[in-house]
């Protein structure tokens, strides 16, 4: 004779175990993730000086957040991917981030061309906060794309007006032939009230700097505006020194890294989204922490990436790791409910652009971005 099977308590046995496991997993996910971590993607050209500055600013933010207990007790993890500032590669990385359920949001991309390509992949899938991608073409590209730097449509106006305050009447414009360079150069050209005697593309490494400078020596502009990054900027100004070209140079946010060569860059004007001389206590705390960690002063690249990481950490802290909820929280950052960053209050327009962001006009002196007096 067989005995009667013992009665099982409700929820016991294999079926009950699976149900409890699923319930536990869903509760953990609702509270911020089942693995004890919150993971954000970050992409940029980290082999470049400005890309490394972005990465270091993000690393500092991550370490500070984790040292303070993480996000709801979960560790913040940044997954860094080098997109080489290449649109096709950026799009592939974006798809990998979208396909990875552990990624809650993205910091970046860093450059305009990369972000233009990646934003189309993130659309409807994953919120991304670009750090230093300033092309006007990004405005309104996707409800899931945001940025913490002002658009080149506004930056070009700021730079052109500054050139006019300097009394400049004849400007030569050089630009790197990419989304950032073309956009910033065009916005400067359209807003500069003097004569633009040249509007020429150049390679990112300024490999033909000798020819450009020789031509400038002949034409004698009173200002050379360069829409590019630090690599081409340093090469160009080194060659200008060699050929003894006496002219003022002006660059946008891509030039904050030219301080790496103080001899070549001395006296150049730079429109910067952040300066380590900002006297606000929160800005100085960031400057001190960055200098202690990396041995150099932070530039706008580092500061904007630092803010983007803290911004997304605040989003996860508020609404959890659901991708749609993070997007909605970012979109709700208005002037009535801004996020306090070291680069200033961060609030967004409906098109994803920041509200009220602008450049501080600086001049390089002894390897530092200083604020010139009386608009000079």
Protein backbone atom coordinates (compact mmCIF):
# COMPACT_ATOMS: atom_id res chain seq x y z
CA UNK A 1 0.00 0.00 0.00
CA UNK A 2 1.27 3.44 -0.84
CA UNK A 3 1.07 6.26 1.64
CA UNK A 4 -0.84 9.48 0.92
CA UNK A 5 1.40 12.21 -0.40
CA UNK A 6 2.25 14.85 2.15
CA UNK A 7 0.40 18.11 1.60
CA UNK A 8 2.58 20.97 0.40
CA UNK A 9 2.22 24.47 1.71
CA UNK A 10 1.05 27.02 -0.86
CA UNK A 11 4.01 28.26 -2.87
CA UNK A 12 6.16 25.26 -2.10
CA UNK A 13 7.63 22.88 -4.67
CA UNK A 14 9.19 23.71 -8.05
CA UNK A 15 6.33 25.91 -9.30
CA UNK A 16 6.23 27.89 -6.10
CA UNK A 17 10.00 28.30 -6.05
CA UNK A 18 9.98 29.70 -9.58
CA UNK A 19 7.14 32.08 -8.73
CA UNK A 20 8.94 33.37 -5.64
CA UNK A 21 12.16 33.80 -7.59
CA UNK A 22 10.38 35.81 -10.27
CA UNK A 23 8.69 37.95 -7.64
CA UNK A 24 12.01 38.59 -5.89
CA UNK A 25 13.67 39.51 -9.18
CA UNK A 26 10.90 41.94 -10.09
CA UNK A 27 11.11 43.60 -6.67
CA UNK A 28 14.86 43.98 -7.02
CA UNK A 29 14.51 45.45 -10.49
CA UNK A 30 11.98 47.96 -9.24
CA UNK A 31 14.41 49.02 -6.53
CA UNK A 32 17.27 49.69 -8.89
CA UNK A 33 18.62 46.46 -10.33
CA UNK A 34 19.11 42.83 -9.40
CA UNK A 35 22.88 42.72 -9.64
CA UNK A 36 23.74 45.32 -7.01
CA UNK A 37 24.81 47.82 -9.67
CA UNK A 38 23.47 50.55 -11.91
CA UNK A 39 25.16 50.51 -15.29
CA UNK A 40 25.48 53.46 -17.68
CA UNK A 41 27.12 53.42 -21.07
CA UNK A 42 29.60 56.11 -22.08
CA UNK A 43 31.11 56.60 -25.53
CA UNK A 44 33.66 59.01 -26.97
CA UNK A 45 37.10 59.24 -28.56
CA UNK A 46 39.00 58.55 -25.36
CA UNK A 47 42.34 58.42 -27.19
CA UNK A 48 42.06 62.17 -27.85
CA UNK A 49 42.91 64.75 -25.21
CA UNK A 50 39.37 66.14 -25.06
CA UNK A 51 37.96 62.61 -24.96
CA UNK A 52 40.22 61.66 -22.08
CA UNK A 53 39.15 64.79 -20.21
CA UNK A 54 35.52 63.69 -20.66
CA UNK A 55 36.37 60.22 -19.39
CA UNK A 56 38.23 61.55 -16.36
CA UNK A 57 35.38 63.86 -15.43
CA UNK A 58 32.98 60.93 -15.64
CA UNK A 59 35.29 58.68 -13.60
CA UNK A 60 35.51 61.28 -10.84
CA UNK A 61 31.72 61.55 -10.68
CA UNK A 62 31.34 57.75 -10.57
CA UNK A 63 33.89 57.42 -7.78
CA UNK A 64 32.25 60.17 -5.73
CA UNK A 65 28.82 58.59 -6.09
CA UNK A 66 30.10 55.17 -5.06
CA UNK A 67 32.08 56.57 -2.14
CA UNK A 68 28.85 58.13 -0.88
CA UNK A 69 27.02 54.79 -0.95
CA UNK A 70 26.15 54.44 -4.60
CA UNK A 71 22.58 54.80 -5.89
CA UNK A 72 20.17 53.31 -3.39
CA UNK A 73 22.98 51.07 -2.20
CA UNK A 74 23.84 49.86 -5.71
CA UNK A 75 27.25 50.62 -7.22
CA UNK A 76 27.39 52.86 -10.26
CA UNK A 77 29.33 51.30 -13.15
CA UNK A 78 30.28 53.17 -16.31
CA UNK A 79 30.88 51.03 -19.38
CA UNK A 80 33.35 52.99 -21.52
CA UNK A 81 33.45 52.44 -25.28
CA UNK A 82 35.76 54.28 -27.67
CA UNK A 83 33.79 55.41 -30.72
CA UNK A 84 36.85 57.12 -32.31
CA UNK A 85 34.57 60.10 -33.16
CA UNK A 86 33.36 57.98 -36.09
CA UNK A 87 29.66 57.98 -36.90
CA UNK A 88 29.44 54.38 -38.12
CA UNK A 89 31.29 53.07 -35.09
CA UNK A 90 29.20 55.25 -32.77
CA UNK A 91 26.00 53.80 -34.26
CA UNK A 92 27.24 50.24 -33.70
CA UNK A 93 28.13 51.01 -30.08
CA UNK A 94 24.74 52.68 -29.59
CA UNK A 95 23.00 49.52 -30.82
CA UNK A 96 25.07 47.41 -28.42
CA UNK A 97 24.02 49.68 -25.55
CA UNK A 98 20.36 49.46 -26.60
CA UNK A 99 20.56 45.66 -26.81
CA UNK A 100 22.17 45.33 -23.36
CA UNK A 101 19.35 45.28 -20.75
CA UNK A 102 21.87 46.22 -18.03
CA UNK A 103 22.41 49.67 -19.57
CA UNK A 104 19.92 52.16 -18.12
CA UNK A 105 21.08 55.30 -19.97
CA UNK A 106 24.09 56.71 -21.82
CA UNK A 107 26.57 59.49 -21.09
CA UNK A 108 27.59 60.90 -24.45
CA UNK A 109 28.43 60.81 -27.11
CA UNK A 110 31.27 63.31 -26.90
CA UNK A 111 31.51 64.58 -30.51
CA UNK A 112 28.77 65.94 -32.75
CA UNK A 113 29.20 63.54 -35.68
CA UNK A 114 29.12 60.52 -33.38
CA UNK A 115 26.06 61.79 -31.53
CA UNK A 116 24.21 62.54 -34.76
CA UNK A 117 24.64 58.91 -35.81
CA UNK A 118 23.96 57.41 -32.38
CA UNK A 119 20.85 59.48 -31.59
CA UNK A 120 18.93 57.75 -34.36
CA UNK A 121 19.66 54.41 -32.70
CA UNK A 122 18.74 55.59 -29.20
CA UNK A 123 15.43 57.09 -30.38
CA UNK A 124 12.56 55.42 -28.53
CA UNK A 125 14.95 53.05 -26.76
CA UNK A 126 17.50 54.67 -24.47
CA UNK A 127 18.09 58.15 -23.08
CA UNK A 128 21.47 59.69 -23.92
CA UNK A 129 22.97 62.87 -22.49
CA UNK A 130 25.65 64.25 -24.81
CA UNK A 131 28.48 66.03 -23.05
CA UNK A 132 30.31 68.23 -25.58
CA UNK A 133 28.44 67.50 -28.83
CA UNK A 134 27.37 71.01 -29.81
CA UNK A 135 26.26 70.80 -33.46
CA UNK A 136 23.06 72.69 -34.19
CA UNK A 137 21.90 69.66 -36.19
CA UNK A 138 21.35 67.81 -32.90
CA UNK A 139 18.61 70.18 -31.77
CA UNK A 140 15.37 68.19 -31.65
CA UNK A 141 16.89 65.11 -33.30
CA UNK A 142 15.12 62.79 -30.84
CA UNK A 143 13.01 63.08 -27.66
CA UNK A 144 15.52 60.65 -26.14
CA UNK A 145 18.58 62.81 -26.86
CA UNK A 146 19.71 65.55 -24.48
CA UNK A 147 22.91 67.55 -24.07
CA UNK A 148 24.51 69.68 -21.36
CA UNK A 149 26.43 72.01 -23.71
CA UNK A 150 24.90 74.88 -25.64
CA UNK A 151 24.26 74.56 -29.38
CA UNK A 152 26.69 75.95 -31.94
CA UNK A 153 23.87 78.16 -33.18
CA UNK A 154 24.19 80.05 -29.89
CA UNK A 155 27.95 79.56 -29.52
CA UNK A 156 28.66 81.05 -32.95
CA UNK A 157 26.77 84.19 -31.94
CA UNK A 158 28.73 84.47 -28.68
CA UNK A 159 32.08 84.06 -30.45
CA UNK A 160 31.26 86.51 -33.26
CA UNK A 161 30.09 89.15 -30.81
CA UNK A 162 33.22 88.69 -28.73
CA UNK A 163 35.38 89.16 -31.84
CA UNK A 164 33.55 92.39 -32.52
CA UNK A 165 34.11 93.59 -28.95
CA UNK A 166 37.81 93.04 -29.58
CA UNK A 167 37.50 95.45 -32.51
CA UNK A 168 38.24 92.82 -35.16
CA UNK A 169 37.17 93.65 -38.71
CA UNK A 170 38.91 91.11 -40.97
CA UNK A 171 38.65 87.46 -39.99
CA UNK A 172 39.96 84.30 -41.61
CA UNK A 173 37.92 81.22 -40.68
CA UNK A 174 39.37 77.70 -40.66
CA UNK A 175 37.33 74.66 -39.71
CA UNK A 176 37.69 70.92 -39.34
CA UNK A 177 35.49 69.35 -42.00
CA UNK A 178 33.05 67.55 -39.71
CA UNK A 179 29.65 68.30 -38.16
CA UNK A 180 31.16 70.33 -35.33
CA UNK A 181 33.62 72.33 -37.41
CA UNK A 182 31.26 73.11 -40.26
CA UNK A 183 28.41 74.12 -37.97
CA UNK A 184 30.42 76.36 -35.68
CA UNK A 185 32.28 78.03 -38.58
CA UNK A 186 29.04 78.75 -40.42
CA UNK A 187 27.37 80.24 -37.34
CA UNK A 188 30.41 82.43 -36.68
CA UNK A 189 30.49 83.57 -40.32
CA UNK A 190 26.81 84.47 -40.38
CA UNK A 191 27.05 86.51 -37.17
CA UNK A 192 30.41 88.25 -37.62
CA UNK A 193 29.75 91.84 -38.74
CA UNK A 194 33.21 92.38 -40.20
CA UNK A 195 34.71 90.90 -43.37
CA UNK A 196 35.35 87.15 -43.58
CA UNK A 197 38.31 87.00 -45.96
CA UNK A 198 38.52 83.20 -46.02
CA UNK A 199 36.41 80.18 -45.07
CA UNK A 200 38.52 77.06 -45.53
CA UNK A 201 38.39 73.44 -44.32
CA UNK A 202 41.42 71.80 -42.75
CA UNK A 203 42.45 68.33 -41.63
CA UNK A 204 41.99 67.38 -37.99
CA UNK A 205 45.76 67.15 -37.56
CA UNK A 206 46.39 70.39 -39.52
CA UNK A 207 48.85 68.50 -41.72
CA UNK A 208 48.91 71.45 -44.13
CA UNK A 209 49.38 74.06 -41.41
CA UNK A 210 52.48 75.45 -43.14
CA UNK A 211 50.48 76.33 -46.26
CA UNK A 212 47.59 77.82 -44.32
CA UNK A 213 49.86 80.02 -42.23
CA UNK A 214 51.91 81.16 -45.23
CA UNK A 215 48.67 82.25 -46.90
CA UNK A 216 47.57 84.06 -43.72
CA UNK A 217 50.90 85.90 -43.56
CA UNK A 218 50.14 87.29 -47.02
CA UNK A 219 46.48 88.23 -46.35
CA UNK A 220 47.07 89.69 -42.87
CA UNK A 221 43.71 89.20 -41.13
CA UNK A 222 43.38 90.72 -37.68
CA UNK A 223 41.73 87.54 -36.37
CA UNK A 224 41.91 83.83 -37.19
CA UNK A 225 38.85 81.95 -35.99
CA UNK A 226 39.32 78.18 -35.84
CA UNK A 227 36.39 75.79 -35.48
CA UNK A 228 38.21 72.63 -34.48
CA UNK A 229 39.78 70.65 -31.69
CA UNK A 230 42.99 70.92 -29.75
CA UNK A 231 45.14 68.78 -32.05
CA UNK A 232 44.68 70.95 -35.13
CA UNK A 233 44.72 74.09 -32.98
CA UNK A 234 48.10 73.36 -31.44
CA UNK A 235 49.62 72.43 -34.79
CA UNK A 236 48.31 75.61 -36.38
CA UNK A 237 49.54 77.91 -33.62
CA UNK A 238 52.95 76.23 -33.50
CA UNK A 239 53.34 76.92 -37.19
CA UNK A 240 52.14 80.51 -36.72
CA UNK A 241 54.88 81.01 -34.14
CA UNK A 242 57.45 79.54 -36.51
CA UNK A 243 56.43 81.82 -39.35
CA UNK A 244 56.13 84.78 -36.95
CA UNK A 245 52.50 85.44 -37.83
CA UNK A 246 51.27 88.16 -35.50
CA UNK A 247 47.51 87.72 -35.22
CA UNK A 248 44.92 86.93 -32.56
CA UNK A 249 43.54 83.38 -32.58
CA UNK A 250 40.03 82.55 -31.38
CA UNK A 251 38.56 79.09 -30.89
CA UNK A 252 35.41 77.53 -29.47
CA UNK A 253 34.94 74.88 -26.80
CA UNK A 254 36.97 72.38 -28.83
CA UNK A 255 40.02 74.49 -28.03
CA UNK A 256 39.99 74.26 -24.24
CA UNK A 257 42.70 71.57 -24.46
CA UNK A 258 45.21 73.76 -26.34
CA UNK A 259 46.57 74.79 -22.94
CA UNK A 260 48.55 71.52 -23.20
CA UNK A 261 51.08 73.54 -25.22
CA UNK A 262 51.40 76.81 -23.31
CA UNK A 263 54.12 78.23 -25.55
CA UNK A 264 52.11 77.83 -28.75
CA UNK A 265 48.75 78.80 -27.26
CA UNK A 266 49.79 81.82 -25.21
CA UNK A 267 47.39 84.71 -25.81
CA UNK A 268 44.76 82.72 -27.72
CA UNK A 269 41.11 83.39 -26.93
CA UNK A 270 38.83 80.42 -26.19
CA UNK A 271 35.09 80.26 -25.67
CA UNK A 272 34.77 77.80 -22.79
CA UNK A 273 31.69 76.18 -21.22
CA UNK A 274 33.54 76.11 -17.88
CA UNK A 275 36.56 77.72 -16.30
CA UNK A 276 38.44 76.48 -13.21
CA UNK A 277 38.40 80.10 -12.05
CA UNK A 278 34.63 79.95 -11.50
CA UNK A 279 34.30 81.18 -7.89
CA UNK A 280 31.13 79.25 -7.00
CA UNK A 281 31.77 76.84 -4.08
CA UNK A 282 30.46 73.81 -5.98
CA UNK A 283 32.71 74.61 -8.92
CA UNK A 284 35.76 75.02 -6.72
CA UNK A 285 35.06 71.74 -4.90
CA UNK A 286 35.02 70.01 -8.29
CA UNK A 287 38.24 71.75 -9.40
CA UNK A 288 40.03 70.74 -6.18
CA UNK A 289 38.83 67.13 -6.42
CA UNK A 290 39.80 66.83 -10.08
CA UNK A 291 43.23 68.40 -9.52
CA UNK A 292 43.87 66.05 -6.58
CA UNK A 293 42.85 62.98 -8.60
CA UNK A 294 44.48 63.74 -11.97
CA UNK A 295 47.14 66.35 -11.26
CA UNK A 296 45.76 68.94 -13.69
CA UNK A 297 42.98 71.51 -13.71
CA UNK A 298 39.70 70.41 -15.29
CA UNK A 299 38.41 72.02 -18.47
CA UNK A 300 34.90 72.21 -19.87
CA UNK A 301 35.14 68.69 -21.26
CA UNK A 302 35.72 67.24 -17.81
CA UNK A 303 33.13 69.45 -16.12
CA UNK A 304 30.34 68.67 -18.59
CA UNK A 305 30.95 64.91 -18.40
CA UNK A 306 31.04 65.13 -14.60
CA UNK A 307 27.67 66.90 -14.66
CA UNK A 308 26.15 64.40 -17.11
CA UNK A 309 27.03 61.44 -14.85
CA UNK A 310 25.64 63.13 -11.73
CA UNK A 311 22.52 64.12 -13.67
CA UNK A 312 21.80 60.54 -14.76
CA UNK A 313 22.59 59.23 -11.29
CA UNK A 314 19.99 61.64 -9.91
CA UNK A 315 17.49 60.37 -12.49
CA UNK A 316 18.02 56.74 -11.43
CA UNK A 317 17.86 57.73 -7.78
CA UNK A 318 14.49 59.38 -8.43
CA UNK A 319 12.75 56.89 -10.74
CA UNK A 320 14.80 53.68 -10.84
CA UNK A 321 16.39 52.04 -13.86
CA UNK A 322 13.40 51.96 -16.20
CA UNK A 323 14.61 53.55 -19.43
CA UNK A 324 11.38 55.36 -20.24
CA UNK A 325 11.09 56.76 -16.73
CA UNK A 326 14.65 58.10 -16.93
CA UNK A 327 13.86 59.84 -20.22
CA UNK A 328 10.73 61.39 -18.75
CA UNK A 329 12.61 62.59 -15.65
CA UNK A 330 15.24 64.27 -17.82
CA UNK A 331 12.56 65.96 -19.91
CA UNK A 332 10.96 67.26 -16.70
CA UNK A 333 14.12 69.21 -15.78
CA UNK A 334 12.81 72.71 -16.49
CA UNK A 335 13.81 76.09 -15.13
CA UNK A 336 11.32 75.41 -12.33
CA UNK A 337 13.03 72.08 -11.51
CA UNK A 338 16.64 72.28 -12.71
CA UNK A 339 19.52 70.03 -11.78
CA UNK A 340 22.38 71.81 -10.00
CA UNK A 341 25.63 71.11 -11.85
CA UNK A 342 29.15 72.48 -11.55
CA UNK A 343 28.64 74.10 -14.97
CA UNK A 344 25.48 75.77 -13.69
CA UNK A 345 21.81 74.86 -13.47
CA UNK A 346 20.78 72.23 -16.01
CA UNK A 347 17.30 72.41 -17.51
CA UNK A 348 16.11 71.32 -20.92
CA UNK A 349 13.99 72.73 -23.69
CA UNK A 350 11.52 70.41 -25.38
CA UNK A 351 14.14 69.83 -28.12
CA UNK A 352 16.74 68.48 -25.66
CA UNK A 353 18.96 71.57 -25.69
CA UNK A 354 19.96 73.11 -22.35
CA UNK A 355 18.34 76.34 -21.23
CA UNK A 356 20.52 79.35 -20.44
CA UNK A 357 23.91 77.79 -21.22
CA UNK A 358 26.58 80.02 -22.74
CA UNK A 359 30.35 80.40 -23.09
CA UNK A 360 32.74 82.17 -20.77
CA UNK A 361 35.25 83.99 -22.94
CA UNK A 362 38.76 83.19 -21.77
CA UNK A 363 42.32 83.95 -22.77
CA UNK A 364 45.26 81.60 -22.33
CA UNK A 365 47.98 82.93 -20.06
CA UNK A 366 50.81 80.77 -18.71
CA UNK A 367 48.96 77.58 -19.58
CA UNK A 368 45.64 78.54 -17.94
CA UNK A 369 42.27 79.70 -19.20
CA UNK A 370 41.97 83.13 -17.62
CA UNK A 371 39.05 85.55 -17.84
CA UNK A 372 40.23 88.72 -19.62
CA UNK A 373 39.23 92.10 -18.30
CA UNK A 374 36.82 94.44 -20.04
CA UNK A 375 35.89 91.91 -22.71
CA UNK A 376 39.49 91.37 -23.80
